[in-house]
Amino acid sequence: MINLSGVKNYYVACGYTDLRRGIDGLAAIVMGQFGKSIDEESLFLFCGRRTDRIKALYFSGDGYILLYKRLNNGRFQWPRTEAELRLLDSQSFRWLMEGLSIEQSKAIRKCKYKDLI
């Protein structure tokens, strides 16, 4: 069983990735191009040019898992900045998986604590 409850870091490889790549090719991008290590707390997301499908790379402790999602209709609102690895919070990840933009202009943002009195 796949357990992703330990994921704390959601990374998006901005721009477009050749989704013909498998685990080794995507891991090479993460480690070579972005200089990140793949661990049990990180999930790396990649999107092709069509933006209706994504791949995710995850290390489960004993091996790598490659997840693939294809939408039946609609497109992912994928960030297009080339050669950037972007860290998302869990809310932005959820928005992305629901087909929304990761930067919601009308969302209420968390702020620092203020005294009421």
PDB file of N, CA and C in Angstrom:
ATOM      1  N   MET A   1       0.841  -1.186   0.000  1.00  0.00           N
ATOM      2  CA  MET A   1       0.000   0.000   0.000  1.00  0.00           C
ATOM      3  C   MET A   1       0.880   1.241   0.000  1.00  0.00           C
ATOM      4  N   ILE A   2       0.478   2.213  -0.758  1.00  0.00           N
ATOM      5  CA  ILE A   2       1.214   3.469  -0.843  1.00  0.00           C
ATOM      6  C   ILE A   2       0.709   4.415   0.236  1.00  0.00           C
ATOM      7  N   ASN A   3       1.630   4.891   1.052  1.00  0.00           N
ATOM      8  CA  ASN A   3       1.277   5.802   2.137  1.00  0.00           C
ATOM      9  C   ASN A   3       2.024   7.108   1.921  1.00  0.00           C
ATOM     10  N   LEU A   4       1.298   8.150   1.536  1.00  0.00           N
ATOM     11  CA  LEU A   4       1.913   9.449   1.291  1.00  0.00           C
ATOM     12  C   LEU A   4       1.680  10.415   2.445  1.00  0.00           C
ATOM     13  N   SER A   5       1.271   9.920   3.599  1.00  0.00           N
ATOM     14  CA  SER A   5       0.976  10.794   4.729  1.00  0.00           C
ATOM     15  C   SER A   5       2.231  11.462   5.293  1.00  0.00           C
ATOM     16  N   GLY A   6       3.399  10.905   5.039  1.00  0.00           N
ATOM     17  CA  GLY A   6       4.633  11.494   5.543  1.00  0.00           C
ATOM     18  C   GLY A   6       5.204  12.580   4.659  1.00  0.00           C
ATOM     19  N   VAL A   7       4.542  12.872   3.546  1.00  0.00           N
ATOM     20  CA  VAL A   7       5.049  13.895   2.632  1.00  0.00           C
ATOM     21  C   VAL A   7       4.823  15.277   3.238  1.00  0.00           C
ATOM     22  N   LYS A   8       5.904  16.027   3.359  1.00  0.00           N
ATOM     23  CA  LYS A   8       5.833  17.390   3.886  1.00  0.00           C
ATOM     24  C   LYS A   8       6.217  18.417   2.831  1.00  0.00           C
ATOM     25  N   ASN A   9       6.986  17.985   1.832  1.00  0.00           N
ATOM     26  CA  ASN A   9       7.471  18.893   0.795  1.00  0.00           C
ATOM     27  C   ASN A   9       6.931  18.457  -0.557  1.00  0.00           C
ATOM     28  N   TYR A  10       6.187  19.336  -1.193  1.00  0.00           N
ATOM     29  CA  TYR A  10       5.652  19.083  -2.524  1.00  0.00           C
ATOM     30  C   TYR A  10       6.406  19.992  -3.488  1.00  0.00           C
ATOM     31  N   TYR A  11       7.195  19.396  -4.361  1.00  0.00           N
ATOM     32  CA  TYR A  11       7.991  20.163  -5.308  1.00  0.00           C
ATOM     33  C   TYR A  11       7.398  20.034  -6.703  1.00  0.00           C
ATOM     34  N   VAL A  12       7.303  21.151  -7.401  1.00  0.00           N
ATOM     35  CA  VAL A  12       6.817  21.183  -8.770  1.00  0.00           C
ATOM     36  C   VAL A  12       7.982  21.569  -9.670  1.00  0.00           C
ATOM     37  N   ALA A  13       8.265  20.731 -10.649  1.00  0.00           N
ATOM     38  CA  ALA A  13       9.255  21.066 -11.668  1.00  0.00           C
ATOM     39  C   ALA A  13       8.538  21.947 -12.684  1.00  0.00           C
ATOM     40  N   CYS A  14       8.734  23.250 -12.580  1.00  0.00           N
ATOM     41  CA  CYS A  14       8.034  24.197 -13.439  1.00  0.00           C
ATOM     42  C   CYS A  14       8.460  24.021 -14.889  1.00  0.00           C
ATOM     43  N   GLY A  15       7.646  24.511 -15.782  1.00  0.00           N
ATOM     44  CA  GLY A  15       7.905  24.317 -17.197  1.00  0.00           C
ATOM     45  C   GLY A  15       7.408  22.943 -17.615  1.00  0.00           C
ATOM     46  N   TYR A  16       7.978  22.430 -18.688  1.00  0.00           N
ATOM     47  CA  TYR A  16       7.510  21.161 -19.226  1.00  0.00           C
ATOM     48  C   TYR A  16       8.596  20.106 -19.130  1.00  0.00           C
ATOM     49  N   THR A  17       8.182  18.882 -18.851  1.00  0.00           N
ATOM     50  CA  THR A  17       9.084  17.750 -18.755  1.00  0.00           C
ATOM     51  C   THR A  17       8.635  16.696 -19.762  1.00  0.00           C
ATOM     52  N   ASP A  18       9.582  16.013 -20.356  1.00  0.00           N
ATOM     53  CA  ASP A  18       9.285  14.909 -21.262  1.00  0.00           C
ATOM     54  C   ASP A  18       8.769  13.743 -20.420  1.00  0.00           C
ATOM     55  N   LEU A  19       7.485  13.467 -20.508  1.00  0.00           N
ATOM     56  CA  LEU A  19       6.881  12.434 -19.658  1.00  0.00           C
ATOM     57  C   LEU A  19       7.163  11.018 -20.152  1.00  0.00           C
ATOM     58  N   ARG A  20       7.955  10.883 -21.201  1.00  0.00           N
ATOM     59  CA  ARG A  20       8.398   9.545 -21.593  1.00  0.00           C
ATOM     60  C   ARG A  20       9.465   9.029 -20.630  1.00  0.00           C
ATOM     61  N   ARG A  21      10.004   9.919 -19.831  1.00  0.00           N
ATOM     62  CA  ARG A  21      11.018   9.524 -18.851  1.00  0.00           C
ATOM     63  C   ARG A  21      10.386   8.679 -17.754  1.00  0.00           C
ATOM     64  N   GLY A  22      11.159   7.749 -17.261  1.00  0.00           N
ATOM     65  CA  GLY A  22      10.716   6.903 -16.163  1.00  0.00           C
ATOM     66  C   GLY A  22      11.334   7.356 -14.848  1.00  0.00           C
ATOM     67  N   ILE A  23      11.396   6.446 -13.902  1.00  0.00           N
ATOM     68  CA  ILE A  23      11.929   6.757 -12.572  1.00  0.00           C
ATOM     69  C   ILE A  23      13.355   7.271 -12.661  1.00  0.00           C
ATOM     70  N   ASP A  24      14.220   6.576 -13.381  1.00  0.00           N
ATOM     71  CA  ASP A  24      15.622   6.976 -13.453  1.00  0.00           C
ATOM     72  C   ASP A  24      15.787   8.341 -14.112  1.00  0.00           C
ATOM     73  N   GLY A  25      15.061   8.598 -15.176  1.00  0.00           N
ATOM     74  CA  GLY A  25      15.165   9.883 -15.867  1.00  0.00           C
ATOM     75  C   GLY A  25      14.667  11.043 -15.022  1.00  0.00           C
ATOM     76  N   LEU A  26      13.551  10.847 -14.328  1.00  0.00           N
ATOM     77  CA  LEU A  26      13.018  11.906 -13.477  1.00  0.00           C
ATOM     78  C   LEU A  26      13.907  12.132 -12.253  1.00  0.00           C
ATOM     79  N   ALA A  27      14.450  11.048 -11.697  1.00  0.00           N
ATOM     80  CA  ALA A  27      15.382  11.190 -10.570  1.00  0.00           C
ATOM     81  C   ALA A  27      16.631  11.942 -10.999  1.00  0.00           C
ATOM     82  N   ALA A  28      17.090  11.720 -12.222  1.00  0.00           N
ATOM     83  CA  ALA A  28      18.255  12.437 -12.741  1.00  0.00           C
ATOM     84  C   ALA A  28      17.970  13.932 -12.849  1.00  0.00           C
ATOM     85  N   ILE A  29      16.759  14.297 -13.234  1.00  0.00           N
ATOM     86  CA  ILE A  29      16.380  15.711 -13.289  1.00  0.00           C
ATOM     87  C   ILE A  29      16.412  16.319 -11.893  1.00  0.00           C
ATOM     88  N   VAL A  30      15.810  15.626 -10.928  1.00  0.00           N
ATOM     89  CA  VAL A  30      15.750  16.142  -9.556  1.00  0.00           C
ATOM     90  C   VAL A  30      17.149  16.341  -8.986  1.00  0.00           C
ATOM     91  N   MET A  31      17.996  15.336  -9.127  1.00  0.00           N
ATOM     92  CA  MET A  31      19.324  15.408  -8.517  1.00  0.00           C
ATOM     93  C   MET A  31      20.305  16.218  -9.355  1.00  0.00           C
ATOM     94  N   GLY A  32      20.257  16.093 -10.669  1.00  0.00           N
ATOM     95  CA  GLY A  32      21.228  16.773 -11.522  1.00  0.00           C
ATOM     96  C   GLY A  32      20.885  18.221 -11.793  1.00  0.00           C
ATOM     97  N   GLN A  33      19.687  18.469 -12.277  1.00  0.00           N
ATOM     98  CA  GLN A  33      19.293  19.808 -12.677  1.00  0.00           C
ATOM     99  C   GLN A  33      18.950  20.694 -11.478  1.00  0.00           C
ATOM    100  N   PHE A  34      18.278  20.111 -10.471  1.00  0.00           N
ATOM    101  CA  PHE A  34      17.830  20.906  -9.341  1.00  0.00           C
ATOM    102  C   PHE A  34      18.689  20.727  -8.088  1.00  0.00           C
ATOM    103  N   GLY A  35      19.539  19.723  -8.051  1.00  0.00           N
ATOM    104  CA  GLY A  35      20.431  19.524  -6.911  1.00  0.00           C
ATOM    105  C   GLY A  35      19.729  19.113  -5.619  1.00  0.00           C
ATOM    106  N   LYS A  36      18.594  18.476  -5.718  1.00  0.00           N
ATOM    107  CA  LYS A  36      17.839  18.024  -4.541  1.00  0.00           C
ATOM    108  C   LYS A  36      18.004  16.522  -4.373  1.00  0.00           C
ATOM    109  N   SER A  37      17.872  16.072  -3.135  1.00  0.00           N
ATOM    110  CA  SER A  37      17.872  14.630  -2.880  1.00  0.00           C
ATOM    111  C   SER A  37      16.425  14.168  -2.721  1.00  0.00           C
ATOM    112  N   ILE A  38      16.180  12.942  -3.106  1.00  0.00           N
ATOM    113  CA  ILE A  38      14.829  12.380  -3.032  1.00  0.00           C
ATOM    114  C   ILE A  38      14.720  11.609  -1.724  1.00  0.00           C
ATOM    115  N   ASP A  39      13.792  12.015  -0.878  1.00  0.00           N
ATOM    116  CA  ASP A  39      13.631  11.366   0.424  1.00  0.00           C
ATOM    117  C   ASP A  39      12.161  11.064   0.694  1.00  0.00           C
ATOM    118  N   GLU A  40      11.892  10.513   1.869  1.00  0.00           N
ATOM    119  CA  GLU A  40      10.533  10.096   2.211  1.00  0.00           C
ATOM    120  C   GLU A  40       9.604  11.251   2.539  1.00  0.00           C
ATOM    121  N   GLU A  41      10.139  12.459   2.693  1.00  0.00           N
ATOM    122  CA  GLU A  41       9.309  13.610   3.010  1.00  0.00           C
ATOM    123  C   GLU A  41       8.994  14.464   1.787  1.00  0.00           C
ATOM    124  N   SER A  42       9.468  14.053   0.613  1.00  0.00           N
ATOM    125  CA  SER A  42       9.324  14.879  -0.583  1.00  0.00           C
ATOM    126  C   SER A  42       8.624  14.132  -1.709  1.00  0.00           C
ATOM    127  N   LEU A  43       7.785  14.858  -2.415  1.00  0.00           N
ATOM    128  CA  LEU A  43       7.099  14.366  -3.600  1.00  0.00           C
ATOM    129  C   LEU A  43       7.411  15.354  -4.720  1.00  0.00           C
ATOM    130  N   PHE A  44       7.892  14.842  -5.845  1.00  0.00           N
ATOM    131  CA  PHE A  44       8.288  15.676  -6.970  1.00  0.00           C
ATOM    132  C   PHE A  44       7.297  15.498  -8.104  1.00  0.00           C
ATOM    133  N   LEU A  45       6.759  16.601  -8.616  1.00  0.00           N
ATOM    134  CA  LEU A  45       5.729  16.580  -9.645  1.00  0.00           C
ATOM    135  C   LEU A  45       6.270  17.116 -10.968  1.00  0.00           C
ATOM    136  N   PHE A  46       5.882  16.458 -12.062  1.00  0.00           N
ATOM    137  CA  PHE A  46       6.328  16.818 -13.403  1.00  0.00           C
ATOM    138  C   PHE A  46       5.117  16.848 -14.327  1.00  0.00           C
ATOM    139  N   CYS A  47       5.143  17.743 -15.304  1.00  0.00           N
ATOM    140  CA  CYS A  47       4.030  17.879 -16.236  1.00  0.00           C
ATOM    141  C   CYS A  47       4.558  17.980 -17.658  1.00  0.00           C
ATOM    142  N   GLY A  48       3.835  17.389 -18.594  1.00  0.00           N
ATOM    143  CA  GLY A  48       4.190  17.467 -20.001  1.00  0.00           C
ATOM    144  C   GLY A  48       3.579  18.688 -20.666  1.00  0.00           C
ATOM    145  N   ARG A  49       3.774  18.820 -21.965  1.00  0.00           N
ATOM    146  CA  ARG A  49       3.286  19.978 -22.714  1.00  0.00           C
ATOM    147  C   ARG A  49       1.764  20.046 -22.777  1.00  0.00           C
ATOM    148  N   ARG A  50       1.114  18.908 -22.776  1.00  0.00           N
ATOM    149  CA  ARG A  50      -0.348  18.904 -22.913  1.00  0.00           C
ATOM    150  C   ARG A  50      -1.046  19.361 -21.638  1.00  0.00           C
ATOM    151  N   THR A  51      -0.388  19.349 -20.528  1.00  0.00           N
ATOM    152  CA  THR A  51      -0.871  19.752 -19.192  1.00  0.00           C
ATOM    153  C   THR A  51      -2.137  19.023 -18.741  1.00  0.00           C
ATOM    154  N   ASP A  52      -2.443  17.901 -19.347  1.00  0.00           N
ATOM    155  CA  ASP A  52      -3.577  17.109 -18.871  1.00  0.00           C
ATOM    156  C   ASP A  52      -3.098  15.863 -18.134  1.00  0.00           C
ATOM    157  N   ARG A  53      -1.790  15.725 -17.978  1.00  0.00           N
ATOM    158  CA  ARG A  53      -1.237  14.577 -17.265  1.00  0.00           C
ATOM    159  C   ARG A  53       0.027  14.978 -16.523  1.00  0.00           C
ATOM    160  N   ILE A  54       0.209  14.348 -15.375  1.00  0.00           N
ATOM    161  CA  ILE A  54       1.391  14.612 -14.561  1.00  0.00           C
ATOM    162  C   ILE A  54       1.971  13.290 -14.071  1.00  0.00           C
ATOM    163  N   LYS A  55       3.237  13.352 -13.696  1.00  0.00           N
ATOM    164  CA  LYS A  55       3.898  12.240 -13.029  1.00  0.00           C
ATOM    165  C   LYS A  55       4.453  12.747 -11.710  1.00  0.00           C
ATOM    166  N   ALA A  56       4.453  11.875 -10.720  1.00  0.00           N
ATOM    167  CA  ALA A  56       5.006  12.208  -9.414  1.00  0.00           C
ATOM    168  C   ALA A  56       6.021  11.144  -9.034  1.00  0.00           C
ATOM    169  N   LEU A  57       7.130  11.582  -8.464  1.00  0.00           N
ATOM    170  CA  LEU A  57       8.190  10.685  -8.031  1.00  0.00           C
ATOM    171  C   LEU A  57       8.309  10.771  -6.519  1.00  0.00           C
ATOM    172  N   TYR A  58       8.336   9.601  -5.875  1.00  0.00           N
ATOM    173  CA  TYR A  58       8.375   9.523  -4.418  1.00  0.00           C
ATOM    174  C   TYR A  58       9.270   8.361  -4.006  1.00  0.00           C
ATOM    175  N   PHE A  59      10.026   8.549  -2.932  1.00  0.00           N
ATOM    176  CA  PHE A  59      10.842   7.471  -2.367  1.00  0.00           C
ATOM    177  C   PHE A  59      10.145   6.957  -1.120  1.00  0.00           C
ATOM    178  N   SER A  60       9.827   5.667  -1.078  1.00  0.00           N
ATOM    179  CA  SER A  60       9.038   5.104   0.023  1.00  0.00           C
ATOM    180  C   SER A  60       9.872   4.481   1.133  1.00  0.00           C
ATOM    181  N   GLY A  61      11.179   4.597   1.054  1.00  0.00           N
ATOM    182  CA  GLY A  61      12.027   4.008   2.080  1.00  0.00           C
ATOM    183  C   GLY A  61      12.723   2.762   1.596  1.00  0.00           C
ATOM    184  N   ASP A  62      12.056   1.984   0.762  1.00  0.00           N
ATOM    185  CA  ASP A  62      12.674   0.770   0.226  1.00  0.00           C
ATOM    186  C   ASP A  62      12.745   0.792  -1.298  1.00  0.00           C
ATOM    187  N   GLY A  63      12.240   1.859  -1.903  1.00  0.00           N
ATOM    188  CA  GLY A  63      12.286   1.970  -3.358  1.00  0.00           C
ATOM    189  C   GLY A  63      11.527   3.195  -3.828  1.00  0.00           C
ATOM    190  N   TYR A  64      11.586   3.427  -5.117  1.00  0.00           N
ATOM    191  CA  TYR A  64      10.936   4.580  -5.726  1.00  0.00           C
ATOM    192  C   TYR A  64       9.559   4.207  -6.244  1.00  0.00           C
ATOM    193  N   ILE A  65       8.651   5.180  -6.160  1.00  0.00           N
ATOM    194  CA  ILE A  65       7.295   5.014  -6.667  1.00  0.00           C
ATOM    195  C   ILE A  65       7.059   6.096  -7.707  1.00  0.00           C
ATOM    196  N   LEU A  66       6.529   5.697  -8.853  1.00  0.00           N
ATOM    197  CA  LEU A  66       6.180   6.637  -9.906  1.00  0.00           C
ATOM    198  C   LEU A  66       4.656   6.646 -10.033  1.00  0.00           C
ATOM    199  N   LEU A  67       4.053   7.783  -9.782  1.00  0.00           N
ATOM    200  CA  LEU A  67       2.605   7.943  -9.875  1.00  0.00           C
ATOM    201  C   LEU A  67       2.279   8.728 -11.135  1.00  0.00           C
ATOM    202  N   TYR A  68       1.160   8.398 -11.761  1.00  0.00           N
ATOM    203  CA  TYR A  68       0.762   9.028 -13.014  1.00  0.00           C
ATOM    204  C   TYR A  68      -0.710   9.396 -12.927  1.00  0.00           C
ATOM    205  N   LYS A  69      -1.038  10.633 -13.290  1.00  0.00           N
ATOM    206  CA  LYS A  69      -2.434  11.051 -13.292  1.00  0.00           C
ATOM    207  C   LYS A  69      -2.742  11.725 -14.620  1.00  0.00           C
ATOM    208  N   ARG A  70      -3.845  11.293 -15.256  1.00  0.00           N
ATOM    209  CA  ARG A  70      -4.313  11.889 -16.496  1.00  0.00           C
ATOM    210  C   ARG A  70      -5.747  12.339 -16.286  1.00  0.00           C
ATOM    211  N   LEU A  71      -6.018  13.583 -16.621  1.00  0.00           N
ATOM    212  CA  LEU A  71      -7.373  14.112 -16.499  1.00  0.00           C
ATOM    213  C   LEU A  71      -8.198  13.714 -17.707  1.00  0.00           C
ATOM    214  N   ASN A  72      -9.455  13.392 -17.491  1.00  0.00           N
ATOM    215  CA  ASN A  72     -10.354  13.080 -18.596  1.00  0.00           C
ATOM    216  C   ASN A  72     -10.774  14.326 -19.345  1.00  0.00           C
ATOM    217  N   ASN A  73     -10.998  15.403 -18.605  1.00  0.00           N
ATOM    218  CA  ASN A  73     -11.271  16.688 -19.250  1.00  0.00           C
ATOM    219  C   ASN A  73     -10.645  17.776 -18.380  1.00  0.00           C
ATOM    220  N   GLY A  74     -10.217  18.822 -19.004  1.00  0.00           N
ATOM    221  CA  GLY A  74      -9.572  19.908 -18.278  1.00  0.00           C
ATOM    222  C   GLY A  74      -8.055  19.788 -18.321  1.00  0.00           C
ATOM    223  N   ARG A  75      -7.416  20.750 -17.727  1.00  0.00           N
ATOM    224  CA  ARG A  75      -5.957  20.833 -17.721  1.00  0.00           C
ATOM    225  C   ARG A  75      -5.487  21.276 -16.342  1.00  0.00           C
ATOM    226  N   PHE A  76      -4.263  20.892 -16.008  1.00  0.00           N
ATOM    227  CA  PHE A  76      -3.646  21.376 -14.786  1.00  0.00           C
ATOM    228  C   PHE A  76      -3.170  22.803 -15.019  1.00  0.00           C
ATOM    229  N   GLN A  77      -3.286  23.643 -14.020  1.00  0.00           N
ATOM    230  CA  GLN A  77      -2.787  25.023 -14.083  1.00  0.00           C
ATOM    231  C   GLN A  77      -1.320  25.003 -13.671  1.00  0.00           C
ATOM    232  N   TRP A  78      -0.477  24.604 -14.595  1.00  0.00           N
ATOM    233  CA  TRP A  78       0.932  24.329 -14.301  1.00  0.00           C
ATOM    234  C   TRP A  78       1.777  25.597 -14.420  1.00  0.00           C
ATOM    235  N   PRO A  79       2.653  25.858 -13.436  1.00  0.00           N
ATOM    236  CA  PRO A  79       3.548  27.022 -13.554  1.00  0.00           C
ATOM    237  C   PRO A  79       4.525  26.819 -14.717  1.00  0.00           C
ATOM    238  N   ARG A  80       4.701  27.812 -15.544  1.00  0.00           N
ATOM    239  CA  ARG A  80       5.462  27.667 -16.781  1.00  0.00           C
ATOM    240  C   ARG A  80       6.899  28.183 -16.699  1.00  0.00           C
ATOM    241  N   THR A  81       7.315  28.739 -15.582  1.00  0.00           N
ATOM    242  CA  THR A  81       8.681  29.235 -15.466  1.00  0.00           C
ATOM    243  C   THR A  81       9.649  28.083 -15.676  1.00  0.00           C
ATOM    244  N   GLU A  82      10.525  28.221 -16.666  1.00  0.00           N
ATOM    245  CA  GLU A  82      11.445  27.133 -17.018  1.00  0.00           C
ATOM    246  C   GLU A  82      12.520  26.924 -15.955  1.00  0.00           C
ATOM    247  N   ALA A  83      12.951  25.681 -15.829  1.00  0.00           N
ATOM    248  CA  ALA A  83      14.113  25.287 -15.012  1.00  0.00           C
ATOM    249  C   ALA A  83      14.032  25.779 -13.578  1.00  0.00           C
ATOM    250  N   GLU A  84      12.872  25.702 -12.987  1.00  0.00           N
ATOM    251  CA  GLU A  84      12.704  26.098 -11.595  1.00  0.00           C
ATOM    252  C   GLU A  84      12.021  24.960 -10.846  1.00  0.00           C
ATOM    253  N   LEU A  85      12.481  24.715  -9.635  1.00  0.00           N
ATOM    254  CA  LEU A  85      11.829  23.751  -8.754  1.00  0.00           C
ATOM    255  C   LEU A  85      11.142  24.559  -7.679  1.00  0.00           C
ATOM    256  N   ARG A  86       9.845  24.431  -7.589  1.00  0.00           N
ATOM    257  CA  ARG A  86       9.060  25.267  -6.680  1.00  0.00           C
ATOM    258  C   ARG A  86       8.479  24.423  -5.560  1.00  0.00           C
ATOM    259  N   LEU A  87       8.641  24.901  -4.342  1.00  0.00           N
ATOM    260  CA  LEU A  87       8.105  24.216  -3.162  1.00  0.00           C
ATOM    261  C   LEU A  87       6.689  24.708  -2.909  1.00  0.00           C
ATOM    262  N   LEU A  88       5.755  23.766  -2.790  1.00  0.00           N
ATOM    263  CA  LEU A  88       4.362  24.103  -2.515  1.00  0.00           C
ATOM    264  C   LEU A  88       3.995  23.713  -1.098  1.00  0.00           C
ATOM    265  N   ASP A  89       3.055  24.431  -0.517  1.00  0.00           N
ATOM    266  CA  ASP A  89       2.484  23.976   0.744  1.00  0.00           C
ATOM    267  C   ASP A  89       1.355  22.998   0.427  1.00  0.00           C
ATOM    268  N   SER A  90       0.810  22.367   1.433  1.00  0.00           N
ATOM    269  CA  SER A  90      -0.201  21.332   1.192  1.00  0.00           C
ATOM    270  C   SER A  90      -1.469  21.911   0.552  1.00  0.00           C
ATOM    271  N   GLN A  91      -1.815  23.154   0.888  1.00  0.00           N
ATOM    272  CA  GLN A  91      -3.000  23.786   0.301  1.00  0.00           C
ATOM    273  C   GLN A  91      -2.801  24.031  -1.198  1.00  0.00           C
ATOM    274  N   SER A  92      -1.647  24.548  -1.572  1.00  0.00           N
ATOM    275  CA  SER A  92      -1.361  24.786  -2.991  1.00  0.00           C
ATOM    276  C   SER A  92      -1.312  23.478  -3.767  1.00  0.00           C
ATOM    277  N   PHE A  93      -0.785  22.423  -3.145  1.00  0.00           N
ATOM    278  CA  PHE A  93      -0.768  21.104  -3.784  1.00  0.00           C
ATOM    279  C   PHE A  93      -2.191  20.628  -4.042  1.00  0.00           C
ATOM    280  N   ARG A  94      -3.061  20.802  -3.061  1.00  0.00           N
ATOM    281  CA  ARG A  94      -4.461  20.391  -3.221  1.00  0.00           C
ATOM    282  C   ARG A  94      -5.130  21.180  -4.350  1.00  0.00           C
ATOM    283  N   TRP A  95      -4.873  22.487  -4.390  1.00  0.00           N
ATOM    284  CA  TRP A  95      -5.429  23.308  -5.468  1.00  0.00           C
ATOM    285  C   TRP A  95      -4.963  22.805  -6.825  1.00  0.00           C
ATOM    286  N   LEU A  96      -3.672  22.507  -6.943  1.00  0.00           N
ATOM    287  CA  LEU A  96      -3.119  22.024  -8.204  1.00  0.00           C
ATOM    288  C   LEU A  96      -3.785  20.721  -8.625  1.00  0.00           C
ATOM    289  N   MET A  97      -3.977  19.792  -7.696  1.00  0.00           N
ATOM    290  CA  MET A  97      -4.595  18.509  -8.011  1.00  0.00           C
ATOM    291  C   MET A  97      -6.073  18.657  -8.364  1.00  0.00           C
ATOM    292  N   GLU A  98      -6.694  19.746  -7.922  1.00  0.00           N
ATOM    293  CA  GLU A  98      -8.096  20.005  -8.243  1.00  0.00           C
ATOM    294  C   GLU A  98      -8.256  20.821  -9.520  1.00  0.00           C
ATOM    295  N   GLY A  99      -7.143  21.138 -10.194  1.00  0.00           N
ATOM    296  CA  GLY A  99      -7.195  21.872 -11.443  1.00  0.00           C
ATOM    297  C   GLY A  99      -7.175  23.376 -11.280  1.00  0.00           C
ATOM    298  N   LEU A 100      -6.919  23.846 -10.082  1.00  0.00           N
ATOM    299  CA  LEU A 100      -6.877  25.282  -9.827  1.00  0.00           C
ATOM    300  C   LEU A 100      -5.443  25.786  -9.902  1.00  0.00           C
ATOM    301  N   SER A 101      -5.300  27.092  -9.962  1.00  0.00           N
ATOM    302  CA  SER A 101      -3.979  27.702  -9.938  1.00  0.00           C
ATOM    303  C   SER A 101      -3.395  27.573  -8.529  1.00  0.00           C
ATOM    304  N   ILE A 102      -2.083  27.426  -8.446  1.00  0.00           N
ATOM    305  CA  ILE A 102      -1.464  27.295  -7.117  1.00  0.00           C
ATOM    306  C   ILE A 102      -1.405  28.635  -6.397  1.00  0.00           C
ATOM    307  N   GLU A 103      -1.654  29.716  -7.102  1.00  0.00           N
ATOM    308  CA  GLU A 103      -1.687  31.048  -6.497  1.00  0.00           C
ATOM    309  C   GLU A 103      -3.098  31.595  -6.622  1.00  0.00           C
ATOM    310  N   GLN A 104      -3.897  31.362  -5.619  1.00  0.00           N
ATOM    311  CA  GLN A 104      -5.270  31.832  -5.612  1.00  0.00           C
ATOM    312  C   GLN A 104      -5.307  33.271  -5.100  1.00  0.00           C
ATOM    313  N   SER A 105      -5.721  34.187  -5.957  1.00  0.00           N
ATOM    314  CA  SER A 105      -5.711  35.601  -5.582  1.00  0.00           C
ATOM    315  C   SER A 105      -6.777  35.935  -4.546  1.00  0.00           C
ATOM    316  N   LYS A 106      -7.854  35.170  -4.486  1.00  0.00           N
ATOM    317  CA  LYS A 106      -8.938  35.479  -3.562  1.00  0.00           C
ATOM    318  C   LYS A 106      -8.927  34.613  -2.309  1.00  0.00           C
ATOM    319  N   ALA A 107      -7.936  33.769  -2.161  1.00  0.00           N
ATOM    320  CA  ALA A 107      -7.869  32.928  -0.973  1.00  0.00           C
ATOM    321  C   ALA A 107      -7.451  33.762   0.235  1.00  0.00           C
ATOM    322  N   ILE A 108      -7.962  33.414   1.378  1.00  0.00           N
ATOM    323  CA  ILE A 108      -7.564  34.096   2.606  1.00  0.00           C
ATOM    324  C   ILE A 108      -6.240  33.507   3.051  1.00  0.00           C
ATOM    325  N   ARG A 109      -5.239  34.343   3.130  1.00  0.00           N
ATOM    326  CA  ARG A 109      -3.901  33.904   3.506  1.00  0.00           C
ATOM    327  C   ARG A 109      -3.734  33.931   5.016  1.00  0.00           C
ATOM    328  N   LYS A 110      -2.902  33.039   5.526  1.00  0.00           N
ATOM    329  CA  LYS A 110      -2.591  33.047   6.951  1.00  0.00           C
ATOM    330  C   LYS A 110      -1.743  34.265   7.261  1.00  0.00           C
ATOM    331  N   CYS A 111      -1.955  34.804   8.444  1.00  0.00           N
ATOM    332  CA  CYS A 111      -1.177  35.972   8.859  1.00  0.00           C
ATOM    333  C   CYS A 111      -0.658  35.741  10.264  1.00  0.00           C
ATOM    334  N   LYS A 112       0.123  36.686  10.731  1.00  0.00           N
ATOM    335  CA  LYS A 112       0.695  36.571  12.065  1.00  0.00           C
ATOM    336  C   LYS A 112      -0.374  36.897  13.099  1.00  0.00           C
ATOM    337  N   TYR A 113      -0.176  36.366  14.271  1.00  0.00           N
ATOM    338  CA  TYR A 113      -1.087  36.577  15.398  1.00  0.00           C
ATOM    339  C   TYR A 113      -1.108  38.041  15.793  1.00  0.00           C
ATOM    340  N   LYS A 114      -2.284  38.592  16.073  1.00  0.00           N
ATOM    341  CA  LYS A 114      -2.419  39.960  16.558  1.00  0.00           C
ATOM    342  C   LYS A 114      -3.280  39.941  17.801  1.00  0.00           C
ATOM    343  N   ASP A 115      -2.934  40.791  18.735  1.00  0.00           N
ATOM    344  CA  ASP A 115      -3.759  40.950  19.946  1.00  0.00           C
ATOM    345  C   ASP A 115      -5.047  41.668  19.592  1.00  0.00           C
ATOM    346  N   LEU A 116      -6.128  41.210  20.169  1.00  0.00           N
ATOM    347  CA  LEU A 116      -7.415  41.849  19.922  1.00  0.00           C
ATOM    348  C   LEU A 116      -7.657  43.033  20.849  1.00  0.00           C
ATOM    349  N   ILE A 117      -6.968  43.057  21.948  1.00  0.00           N
ATOM    350  CA  ILE A 117      -7.203  44.114  22.932  1.00  0.00           C
ATOM    351  C   ILE A 117      -6.097  45.129  22.906  1.00  0.00           C
TER     352      ILE A 117
END
